[in-house]
């Protein structure tokens, strides 16, 4: 099969928006796929929602604050994407409104949903807020708006070999931009 890029806007980078509940493996997948993204698509960065929260001093976790933070993230990512830098962004971001903004704002947009069993995430997770009476936690007291039509879905059951899942994700990313 000859690689032919689908209609990629060569004047900007690609946004790989990796979403899922906290503890689903978003950051791990982002770190593991970055070398493939660089090899296939050029200059690329990995960014995490939690890192951007710290940089921009965004401390709110209510649904409205999370939506506002997501819009700030999107504007920052747009600045980088316009400079022909690909971004692999790991973020909870489970709101339809944010994904709709992404689809309008980014011509090169790949939505990757890390699908997991939420009860298993809570059981296996080292996230303290799942084991306390924390408020404003997506999946507990904030209803997640799960992606209805993501570009790519990875089912992370935590039973599969991580390298196998990463290989599968890299193959799906590469084939997303190919015409057979």
Foldseek 3Di string as FASTA:
>chain_A
DDFDFDPDDQQWAAEEEEAEFPQLCLLVLLVLCVVLCCVVQNAEDEEELVVVCVVVVQDDQAPVSVVVSLVVVVVVVLVRRSVHYYYSYRYNPQDPVSVVVCVVRHPRYAYEYRDEDVVVSLVPDPPVCSVDVDPNGDPPHNDGNHDPDGQYYQYPHVPDDPVVSSVVVSVSVSCSGGDD
